[in-house]
Amino acid sequence: MAYWLLKSEVETWSWDQQKEAGRKGAEWTGVRNYQARNNMRAMKTGDLGFFYLSGADKSVVGIVKVVKEAHPDSTHGTGQWDCVDVAAVADLPRPVTLANIKAKPKLKDMVLVRNSRLSVQPVTEAEWRAVCALGGVSDPPRA
């Protein structure tokens, strides 16, 4: 199992909308970057991810779980782009801002810090634990 970070603009898909999708989850659509698409293709059912709000907020606000592996993105008819389905698992008690992450030396190599534009990115287990701790999650879920 693996850990990920998935970015969304609040105007496009909010954390509240993700939670409203329930246990069935929702497609993570609209990704039009090959590296991000390939990251989704690598995801397995049960993998966990951070729900990250980009735009003005720039913060991790929740935890999601992959509930359906990569399949064609229903918002694009060519079959070139894939998506996964994710369901909300938990709110972070405290949002973790990009500034919080950048301030932690042990997170300096996190993809979010090095390539902040990538919309779907891997997270190491050590990074997962560190961000969960910053967000007030004392016993982080494991993939």
C-alpha atoms as a PDB file:
ATOM      1  CA  MET A   1       0.000   0.000   0.000  1.00  0.00           C
ATOM      2  CA  ALA A   2       1.070   3.557  -0.636  1.00  0.00           C
ATOM      3  CA  TYR A   3       0.359   7.166   0.303  1.00  0.00           C
ATOM      4  CA  TRP A   4      -0.533  10.047  -1.991  1.00  0.00           C
ATOM      5  CA  LEU A   5      -1.487  13.713  -2.093  1.00  0.00           C
ATOM      6  CA  LEU A   6      -4.338  14.827  -4.348  1.00  0.00           C
ATOM      7  CA  LYS A   7      -4.880  18.511  -5.065  1.00  0.00           C
ATOM      8  CA  SER A   8      -8.130  20.272  -5.752  1.00  0.00           C
ATOM      9  CA  GLU A   9      -9.273  23.834  -6.168  1.00  0.00           C
ATOM     10  CA  VAL A  10     -12.071  24.579  -3.701  1.00  0.00           C
ATOM     11  CA  GLU A  11     -14.138  26.030  -6.559  1.00  0.00           C
ATOM     12  CA  THR A  12     -13.802  22.778  -8.536  1.00  0.00           C
ATOM     13  CA  TRP A  13     -14.197  20.115  -5.844  1.00  0.00           C
ATOM     14  CA  SER A  14     -14.254  20.991  -2.143  1.00  0.00           C
ATOM     15  CA  TRP A  15     -13.531  18.861   0.896  1.00  0.00           C
ATOM     16  CA  ASP A  16     -17.212  19.173   1.851  1.00  0.00           C
ATOM     17  CA  GLN A  17     -18.220  17.788  -1.555  1.00  0.00           C
ATOM     18  CA  GLN A  18     -15.768  14.930  -1.096  1.00  0.00           C
ATOM     19  CA  LYS A  19     -17.310  14.075   2.274  1.00  0.00           C
ATOM     20  CA  GLU A  20     -20.827  14.299   0.834  1.00  0.00           C
ATOM     21  CA  ALA A  21     -19.867  11.652  -1.760  1.00  0.00           C
ATOM     22  CA  GLY A  22     -19.883   9.157   1.118  1.00  0.00           C
ATOM     23  CA  ARG A  23     -18.256   5.728   1.274  1.00  0.00           C
ATOM     24  CA  LYS A  24     -18.774   5.130  -2.435  1.00  0.00           C
ATOM     25  CA  GLY A  25     -16.539   8.116  -3.125  1.00  0.00           C
ATOM     26  CA  ALA A  26     -16.219  10.046  -6.344  1.00  0.00           C
ATOM     27  CA  GLU A  27     -14.043  10.081  -9.427  1.00  0.00           C
ATOM     28  CA  TRP A  28     -10.926  12.231  -9.179  1.00  0.00           C
ATOM     29  CA  THR A  29     -11.395  13.720 -12.631  1.00  0.00           C
ATOM     30  CA  GLY A  30      -9.847  16.462 -14.701  1.00  0.00           C
ATOM     31  CA  VAL A  31      -6.188  15.511 -14.323  1.00  0.00           C
ATOM     32  CA  ARG A  32      -4.440  16.400 -17.573  1.00  0.00           C
ATOM     33  CA  ASN A  33      -0.798  15.865 -16.683  1.00  0.00           C
ATOM     34  CA  TYR A  34       0.995  12.656 -17.682  1.00  0.00           C
ATOM     35  CA  GLN A  35       2.995  12.297 -14.464  1.00  0.00           C
ATOM     36  CA  ALA A  36      -0.103  12.825 -12.308  1.00  0.00           C
ATOM     37  CA  ARG A  37      -2.079  10.400 -14.495  1.00  0.00           C
ATOM     38  CA  ASN A  38       0.664   7.792 -14.140  1.00  0.00           C
ATOM     39  CA  ASN A  39       0.606   8.281 -10.371  1.00  0.00           C
ATOM     40  CA  MET A  40      -3.123   7.513 -10.408  1.00  0.00           C
ATOM     41  CA  ARG A  41      -2.456   4.434 -12.527  1.00  0.00           C
ATOM     42  CA  ALA A  42      -0.095   3.248  -9.771  1.00  0.00           C
ATOM     43  CA  MET A  43      -2.720   3.629  -7.026  1.00  0.00           C
ATOM     44  CA  LYS A  44      -4.275   0.531  -5.476  1.00  0.00           C
ATOM     45  CA  THR A  45      -7.567   0.100  -3.660  1.00  0.00           C
ATOM     46  CA  GLY A  46      -6.993   0.936  -0.008  1.00  0.00           C
ATOM     47  CA  ASP A  47      -4.144   3.385  -0.610  1.00  0.00           C
ATOM     48  CA  LEU A  48      -4.530   6.556   1.440  1.00  0.00           C
ATOM     49  CA  GLY A  49      -4.034  10.143   0.412  1.00  0.00           C
ATOM     50  CA  PHE A  50      -4.126  13.688   1.641  1.00  0.00           C
ATOM     51  CA  PHE A  51      -6.864  15.948   0.268  1.00  0.00           C
ATOM     52  CA  TYR A  52      -5.012  19.178  -0.476  1.00  0.00           C
ATOM     53  CA  LEU A  53      -6.714  22.454  -1.313  1.00  0.00           C
ATOM     54  CA  SER A  54      -4.646  24.492  -3.739  1.00  0.00           C
ATOM     55  CA  GLY A  55      -5.413  28.060  -4.688  1.00  0.00           C
ATOM     56  CA  ALA A  56      -5.584  30.561  -1.853  1.00  0.00           C
ATOM     57  CA  ASP A  57      -5.901  27.937   0.911  1.00  0.00           C
ATOM     58  CA  LYS A  58      -2.834  25.782   0.105  1.00  0.00           C
ATOM     59  CA  SER A  59      -3.427  23.240   2.857  1.00  0.00           C
ATOM     60  CA  VAL A  60      -4.020  19.595   3.618  1.00  0.00           C
ATOM     61  CA  VAL A  61      -7.517  19.380   5.101  1.00  0.00           C
ATOM     62  CA  GLY A  62      -8.442  15.700   5.042  1.00  0.00           C
ATOM     63  CA  ILE A  63      -7.599  12.078   4.364  1.00  0.00           C
ATOM     64  CA  VAL A  64      -9.047  10.055   1.499  1.00  0.00           C
ATOM     65  CA  LYS A  65      -8.893   6.400   0.498  1.00  0.00           C
ATOM     66  CA  VAL A  66      -8.727   4.948  -3.005  1.00  0.00           C
ATOM     67  CA  VAL A  67     -11.940   2.947  -3.483  1.00  0.00           C
ATOM     68  CA  LYS A  68     -11.610   2.203  -7.204  1.00  0.00           C
ATOM     69  CA  GLU A  69      -8.403   1.835  -9.182  1.00  0.00           C
ATOM     70  CA  ALA A  70      -7.565   3.702 -12.391  1.00  0.00           C
ATOM     71  CA  HIS A  71     -10.210   3.742 -15.105  1.00  0.00           C
ATOM     72  CA  PRO A  72     -11.050   6.117 -17.969  1.00  0.00           C
ATOM     73  CA  ASP A  73     -11.910   9.643 -16.818  1.00  0.00           C
ATOM     74  CA  SER A  74     -15.606  10.147 -17.552  1.00  0.00           C
ATOM     75  CA  THR A  75     -15.029  13.850 -18.261  1.00  0.00           C
ATOM     76  CA  HIS A  76     -12.766  13.133 -21.257  1.00  0.00           C
ATOM     77  CA  GLY A  77     -13.909  10.976 -24.164  1.00  0.00           C
ATOM     78  CA  THR A  78     -10.580   9.888 -25.662  1.00  0.00           C
ATOM     79  CA  GLY A  79      -9.565   7.241 -23.116  1.00  0.00           C
ATOM     80  CA  GLN A  80      -6.179   8.960 -22.853  1.00  0.00           C
ATOM     81  CA  TRP A  81      -6.856  10.221 -19.329  1.00  0.00           C
ATOM     82  CA  ASP A  82      -7.585   8.099 -16.298  1.00  0.00           C
ATOM     83  CA  CYS A  83      -8.887   8.742 -12.820  1.00  0.00           C
ATOM     84  CA  VAL A  84      -9.383   6.867  -9.568  1.00  0.00           C
ATOM     85  CA  ASP A  85     -12.320   7.013  -7.193  1.00  0.00           C
ATOM     86  CA  VAL A  86     -11.614   8.262  -3.684  1.00  0.00           C
ATOM     87  CA  ALA A  87     -13.725   8.473  -0.541  1.00  0.00           C
ATOM     88  CA  ALA A  88     -13.256  10.735   2.467  1.00  0.00           C
ATOM     89  CA  VAL A  89     -11.836   9.006   5.543  1.00  0.00           C
ATOM     90  CA  ALA A  90     -11.318  11.813   8.060  1.00  0.00           C
ATOM     91  CA  ASP A  91     -10.918  15.542   8.547  1.00  0.00           C
ATOM     92  CA  LEU A  92      -7.584  16.746   9.827  1.00  0.00           C
ATOM     93  CA  PRO A  93      -8.222  18.387  13.208  1.00  0.00           C
ATOM     94  CA  ARG A  94      -5.929  21.228  12.067  1.00  0.00           C
ATOM     95  CA  PRO A  95      -5.354  22.093   8.405  1.00  0.00           C
ATOM     96  CA  VAL A  96      -1.680  21.785   7.478  1.00  0.00           C
ATOM     97  CA  THR A  97      -0.616  24.672   5.267  1.00  0.00           C
ATOM     98  CA  LEU A  98       2.092  24.593   2.649  1.00  0.00           C
ATOM     99  CA  ALA A  99       3.981  27.077   4.840  1.00  0.00           C
ATOM    100  CA  ASN A 100       3.781  24.605   7.775  1.00  0.00           C
ATOM    101  CA  ILE A 101       5.174  21.854   5.556  1.00  0.00           C
ATOM    102  CA  LYS A 102       7.962  24.014   4.153  1.00  0.00           C
ATOM    103  CA  ALA A 103       8.951  25.034   7.698  1.00  0.00           C
ATOM    104  CA  LYS A 104       9.756  21.422   8.663  1.00  0.00           C
ATOM    105  CA  PRO A 105      13.279  20.397   7.589  1.00  0.00           C
ATOM    106  CA  LYS A 106      12.313  16.705   7.518  1.00  0.00           C
ATOM    107  CA  LEU A 107       9.711  17.528   4.826  1.00  0.00           C
ATOM    108  CA  LYS A 108      12.117  19.470   2.572  1.00  0.00           C
ATOM    109  CA  ASP A 109      12.231  16.627   0.012  1.00  0.00           C
ATOM    110  CA  MET A 110       8.466  16.153  -0.160  1.00  0.00           C
ATOM    111  CA  VAL A 111       7.202  16.351  -3.752  1.00  0.00           C
ATOM    112  CA  LEU A 112       4.786  19.089  -2.651  1.00  0.00           C
ATOM    113  CA  VAL A 113       7.793  21.255  -1.727  1.00  0.00           C
ATOM    114  CA  ARG A 114       9.925  20.371  -4.760  1.00  0.00           C
ATOM    115  CA  ASN A 115       7.180  20.266  -7.430  1.00  0.00           C
ATOM    116  CA  SER A 116       4.211  22.111  -6.005  1.00  0.00           C
ATOM    117  CA  ARG A 117       2.346  22.163  -9.338  1.00  0.00           C
ATOM    118  CA  LEU A 118       1.959  18.368  -9.646  1.00  0.00           C
ATOM    119  CA  SER A 119      -1.700  17.616  -8.888  1.00  0.00           C
ATOM    120  CA  VAL A 120      -1.350  13.948  -7.849  1.00  0.00           C
ATOM    121  CA  GLN A 121       1.854  12.974  -6.116  1.00  0.00           C
ATOM    122  CA  PRO A 122       3.377  10.248  -3.961  1.00  0.00           C
ATOM    123  CA  VAL A 123       3.999  10.730  -0.240  1.00  0.00           C
ATOM    124  CA  THR A 124       6.491   8.624   1.725  1.00  0.00           C
ATOM    125  CA  GLU A 125       5.436   6.903   4.933  1.00  0.00           C
ATOM    126  CA  ALA A 126       7.667   9.248   6.971  1.00  0.00           C
ATOM    127  CA  GLU A 127       6.064  12.274   5.273  1.00  0.00           C
ATOM    128  CA  TRP A 128       2.611  10.777   5.878  1.00  0.00           C
ATOM    129  CA  ARG A 129       3.289  10.484   9.602  1.00  0.00           C
ATOM    130  CA  ALA A 130       4.839  13.950   9.836  1.00  0.00           C
ATOM    131  CA  VAL A 131       1.952  15.719   8.063  1.00  0.00           C
ATOM    132  CA  CYS A 132      -0.600  13.761  10.094  1.00  0.00           C
ATOM    133  CA  ALA A 133       1.176  14.859  13.285  1.00  0.00           C
ATOM    134  CA  LEU A 134       1.157  18.495  12.131  1.00  0.00           C
ATOM    135  CA  GLY A 135      -2.576  18.118  11.499  1.00  0.00           C
ATOM    136  CA  GLY A 136      -3.296  16.780  14.969  1.00  0.00           C
ATOM    137  CA  VAL A 137      -3.732  13.123  13.994  1.00  0.00           C
ATOM    138  CA  SER A 138      -1.977  11.194  16.762  1.00  0.00           C
ATOM    139  CA  ASP A 139      -2.642   7.718  15.324  1.00  0.00           C
ATOM    140  CA  PRO A 140      -2.492   8.095  11.526  1.00  0.00           C
ATOM    141  CA  PRO A 141      -4.361   5.540   9.431  1.00  0.00           C
ATOM    142  CA  ARG A 142      -2.110   3.151   7.548  1.00  0.00           C
ATOM    143  CA  ALA A 143      -2.348   2.153   3.938  1.00  0.00           C
END
